[in-house]
N, C-alpha and C. Protein backbone atom coordinates (compact mmCIF):
# COMPACT_ATOMS: atom_id res chain seq x y z
N UNK A 1 129.31 122.78 -69.10
CA UNK A 1 128.69 122.53 -70.68
C UNK A 1 128.09 123.99 -71.06
N UNK A 2 128.06 123.89 -72.40
CA UNK A 2 127.47 125.32 -72.76
C UNK A 2 125.65 124.97 -73.02
N UNK A 3 125.10 126.24 -72.41
CA UNK A 3 123.80 126.10 -72.36
C UNK A 3 123.13 126.46 -74.00
N UNK A 4 122.31 125.56 -74.34
CA UNK A 4 121.84 125.84 -76.04
C UNK A 4 121.34 127.32 -75.82
N UNK A 5 121.29 128.07 -76.80
CA UNK A 5 120.63 128.96 -76.93
C UNK A 5 119.60 128.93 -78.28
N UNK A 6 118.22 128.94 -77.45
CA UNK A 6 117.13 127.97 -78.41
C UNK A 6 116.72 129.69 -79.39
N UNK A 7 117.19 130.79 -78.96
CA UNK A 7 117.28 132.00 -80.06
C UNK A 7 117.58 131.82 -81.10
N UNK A 8 119.05 131.34 -80.84
CA UNK A 8 119.85 131.61 -82.27
C UNK A 8 119.85 130.24 -83.05
N UNK A 9 118.91 129.23 -82.42
CA UNK A 9 119.18 127.97 -83.01
C UNK A 9 118.08 128.32 -84.60
N UNK A 10 118.88 127.63 -85.54
CA UNK A 10 118.15 127.66 -87.02
C UNK A 10 116.22 126.86 -86.63
N UNK A 11 115.56 127.62 -87.51
CA UNK A 11 114.00 127.76 -87.65
C UNK A 11 113.82 127.62 -89.02
N UNK A 12 112.68 126.30 -89.07
CA UNK A 12 112.20 126.02 -90.39
C UNK A 12 111.43 127.51 -90.57
N UNK A 13 111.51 127.54 -91.96
CA UNK A 13 110.34 128.85 -92.37
C UNK A 13 109.22 128.15 -93.27
N UNK A 14 108.12 128.89 -93.24
CA UNK A 14 107.14 128.98 -93.60
C UNK A 14 107.30 129.57 -95.26
N UNK A 15 106.36 128.57 -96.34
CA UNK A 15 106.55 129.54 -97.72
C UNK A 15 106.57 130.55 -97.73
N UNK A 16 105.24 131.31 -97.27
CA UNK A 16 105.56 132.73 -97.17
C UNK A 16 106.38 133.44 -96.86
N UNK A 17 107.33 133.46 -95.68
CA UNK A 17 108.23 133.91 -94.80
C UNK A 17 109.26 133.33 -95.86
N UNK A 18 109.32 132.57 -96.62
CA UNK A 18 110.82 132.18 -97.27
C UNK A 18 110.39 133.00 -98.50
N UNK A 19 109.25 133.64 -98.83
CA UNK A 19 109.17 134.43 -100.44
C UNK A 19 109.68 135.52 -99.91
N UNK A 20 109.82 136.07 -98.46
CA UNK A 20 110.16 137.29 -98.22
C UNK A 20 111.57 137.24 -97.91
N UNK A 21 112.17 136.47 -96.93
CA UNK A 21 113.38 136.60 -96.35
C UNK A 21 114.62 135.43 -97.17
N UNK A 22 114.12 134.74 -97.86
CA UNK A 22 115.15 133.56 -98.68
C UNK A 22 114.85 132.26 -97.92
N UNK A 23 115.60 131.27 -98.18
CA UNK A 23 115.52 129.59 -97.89
C UNK A 23 115.65 129.89 -96.35
N UNK A 24 114.96 128.37 -95.45
CA UNK A 24 115.46 128.46 -94.36
C UNK A 24 116.16 127.39 -94.48
N UNK A 25 116.62 126.57 -93.12
CA UNK A 25 116.31 127.03 -92.09
C UNK A 25 117.24 128.64 -91.77
N UNK A 26 116.76 129.20 -90.87
CA UNK A 26 117.67 130.34 -90.82
C UNK A 26 117.07 130.71 -89.11
N UNK A 27 117.91 130.97 -88.13
CA UNK A 27 118.17 131.71 -86.84
C UNK A 27 116.91 133.11 -86.73
N UNK A 28 116.39 133.07 -85.76
CA UNK A 28 115.39 134.19 -85.67
C UNK A 28 116.30 136.03 -86.19
N UNK A 29 117.08 136.01 -85.52
CA UNK A 29 117.82 137.51 -85.89
C UNK A 29 118.26 137.36 -87.42
N UNK A 30 118.35 136.44 -87.64
CA UNK A 30 118.64 136.81 -89.20
C UNK A 30 117.34 136.83 -89.95
N UNK A 31 116.09 136.06 -89.83
CA UNK A 31 115.09 136.22 -90.02
C UNK A 31 114.39 137.79 -90.19
N UNK A 32 114.78 138.32 -88.91
CA UNK A 32 114.30 139.81 -88.56
C UNK A 32 115.39 140.96 -89.82
N UNK A 33 116.57 140.63 -89.54
CA UNK A 33 117.54 141.00 -90.25
C UNK A 33 117.33 141.09 -91.90
N UNK A 34 116.95 140.15 -92.96
CA UNK A 34 116.54 139.93 -94.04
C UNK A 34 115.03 140.55 -94.20
N UNK A 35 113.97 140.70 -93.05
CA UNK A 35 112.88 141.15 -93.35
C UNK A 35 112.99 142.40 -93.26
N UNK A 36 113.77 143.27 -92.51
CA UNK A 36 114.52 144.86 -92.75
C UNK A 36 115.39 144.91 -94.14
N UNK A 37 115.97 144.25 -94.35
CA UNK A 37 116.48 144.19 -96.18
C UNK A 37 115.21 144.41 -96.87
N UNK A 38 114.07 143.41 -97.05
CA UNK A 38 113.25 143.53 -98.00
C UNK A 38 112.56 144.59 -97.53
N UNK A 39 112.09 145.17 -96.60
CA UNK A 39 110.90 146.15 -96.42
C UNK A 39 111.79 147.64 -96.71
N UNK A 40 113.03 147.49 -96.49
CA UNK A 40 113.69 148.85 -97.31
C UNK A 40 114.19 148.65 -98.59
N UNK A 41 114.13 147.61 -99.04
CA UNK A 41 114.70 147.24 -100.67
C UNK A 41 113.26 147.88 -101.57
N UNK A 42 111.95 147.55 -100.90
CA UNK A 42 111.02 147.66 -101.56
C UNK A 42 110.09 148.98 -100.77
N UNK A 43 110.63 149.62 -100.48
CA UNK A 43 110.53 151.23 -99.57
C UNK A 43 108.52 150.89 -98.96
N UNK A 44 108.83 149.89 -98.46
CA UNK A 44 107.33 149.72 -97.70
C UNK A 44 107.34 150.33 -96.37
N UNK A 45 108.11 151.10 -95.73
CA UNK A 45 107.75 151.94 -94.37
C UNK A 45 107.21 153.53 -95.01
N UNK A 46 105.79 153.79 -94.07
CA UNK A 46 105.09 154.35 -94.54
C UNK A 46 106.29 155.91 -94.18
N UNK A 47 106.01 156.66 -95.24
CA UNK A 47 106.77 157.81 -95.23
C UNK A 47 106.64 158.89 -94.44
N UNK A 48 105.95 159.38 -94.09
CA UNK A 48 104.93 159.97 -92.44
C UNK A 48 105.14 159.27 -91.37
N UNK A 49 105.04 158.03 -90.69
CA UNK A 49 105.49 157.52 -89.92
C UNK A 49 106.57 156.48 -90.35
N UNK A 50 107.57 156.20 -89.80
CA UNK A 50 108.77 155.38 -90.01
C UNK A 50 108.38 153.91 -89.48
N UNK A 51 107.68 154.11 -88.10
CA UNK A 51 107.44 153.00 -87.49
C UNK A 51 106.34 151.85 -88.16
N UNK A 52 105.52 152.39 -89.25
CA UNK A 52 104.56 151.86 -89.72
C UNK A 52 105.05 151.20 -90.94
N UNK A 53 104.49 150.05 -90.95
CA UNK A 53 105.27 148.73 -92.35
C UNK A 53 104.16 148.17 -93.40
N UNK A 54 104.03 149.32 -94.18
CA UNK A 54 102.91 149.37 -95.36
C UNK A 54 102.84 147.82 -96.26
N UNK A 55 102.78 146.95 -95.65
CA UNK A 55 102.98 145.34 -96.72
C UNK A 55 102.39 145.22 -97.92
N UNK A 56 103.63 144.46 -98.87
CA UNK A 56 103.40 144.35 -100.28
C UNK A 56 102.44 143.37 -100.17
N UNK A 57 102.33 142.57 -101.08
CA UNK A 57 101.21 141.22 -101.22
C UNK A 57 102.21 140.14 -100.57
N UNK A 58 103.50 140.30 -100.65
CA UNK A 58 104.08 139.09 -100.15
C UNK A 58 104.25 139.05 -98.42
N UNK A 59 104.53 140.54 -98.21
CA UNK A 59 104.50 140.59 -97.05
C UNK A 59 103.19 140.45 -96.46
N UNK A 60 101.88 141.12 -96.55
CA UNK A 60 100.68 140.66 -96.32
C UNK A 60 100.57 139.40 -95.73
N UNK A 61 100.78 138.07 -96.57
CA UNK A 61 100.51 136.77 -96.57
C UNK A 61 101.24 136.49 -94.95
N UNK A 62 102.56 137.00 -95.15
CA UNK A 62 103.04 137.03 -93.61
C UNK A 62 102.69 137.72 -92.32
N UNK A 63 102.42 139.09 -93.04
CA UNK A 63 101.13 139.43 -91.48
C UNK A 63 99.67 139.32 -91.52
N UNK A 64 99.33 138.70 -92.05
CA UNK A 64 98.21 138.16 -92.35
C UNK A 64 96.88 138.87 -92.52
N UNK A 65 97.59 140.22 -93.39
CA UNK A 65 96.60 141.31 -93.37
C UNK A 65 97.39 142.11 -94.13
N UNK A 66 96.45 143.16 -95.03
CA UNK A 66 97.47 144.30 -95.88
C UNK A 66 97.29 145.54 -95.30
N UNK A 67 96.79 145.66 -94.16
CA UNK A 67 96.55 146.81 -93.10
C UNK A 67 98.42 146.99 -92.80
N UNK A 68 98.77 148.45 -92.91
CA UNK A 68 99.78 148.71 -91.89
C UNK A 68 100.20 148.19 -90.46
N UNK A 69 100.87 147.51 -90.03
CA UNK A 69 101.65 147.33 -89.24
C UNK A 69 102.38 147.97 -88.36
N UNK A 70 102.89 147.95 -86.91
CA UNK A 70 103.30 148.92 -86.11
C UNK A 70 104.74 148.03 -86.20
N UNK A 71 105.86 148.34 -86.38
CA UNK A 71 107.00 147.64 -86.32
C UNK A 71 107.57 146.88 -85.49
N UNK A 72 106.97 147.22 -84.44
CA UNK A 72 106.67 146.64 -82.79
C UNK A 72 105.99 145.57 -82.57
N UNK A 73 105.28 144.96 -83.62
CA UNK A 73 104.43 144.02 -83.96
C UNK A 73 104.68 143.40 -84.63
N UNK A 74 105.84 142.93 -85.52
CA UNK A 74 106.38 142.79 -86.83
C UNK A 74 106.89 141.22 -86.08
N UNK A 75 107.62 140.75 -84.55
CA UNK A 75 108.01 140.02 -84.53
C UNK A 75 107.02 138.85 -84.40
N UNK A 76 105.84 139.25 -83.39
CA UNK A 76 105.02 138.37 -82.96
C UNK A 76 104.31 137.75 -84.27
N UNK A 77 104.29 138.60 -85.81
CA UNK A 77 103.67 138.21 -86.58
C UNK A 77 104.50 137.12 -87.06
N UNK A 78 105.90 137.24 -87.66
CA UNK A 78 106.43 136.61 -87.92
C UNK A 78 106.73 135.20 -87.39
N UNK A 79 106.63 135.33 -86.07
CA UNK A 79 107.18 133.88 -85.15
C UNK A 79 106.24 132.63 -85.23
N UNK A 80 104.47 132.91 -85.92
CA UNK A 80 103.80 132.19 -86.08
C UNK A 80 104.01 131.43 -87.79
N UNK A 81 105.18 131.88 -88.10
CA UNK A 81 105.75 131.13 -89.61
C UNK A 81 107.10 130.24 -89.38
N UNK A 82 107.34 130.51 -87.95
CA UNK A 82 108.54 129.44 -88.05
C UNK A 82 108.10 128.21 -86.85
N UNK A 83 108.97 127.13 -86.99
CA UNK A 83 108.77 126.16 -86.17
C UNK A 83 110.23 125.55 -86.03
């Protein structure tokens, strides 16, 4: 019997996250992929420090703040919007 991979299981998304990455449910890797598509499309990386994401109004609702976020901390903020 194959072991279930919970990481790849589709998750329900909050309304705030759906506004950024599209309608759920979707697995976490797809959420991250779509999040990066959104960030690049809207030019939200700090030009002087590409590791820093400067959220627009929609992304600020996901991150919980309009303050810049280090890209390494994004996953933790996004997980709060998955169920």
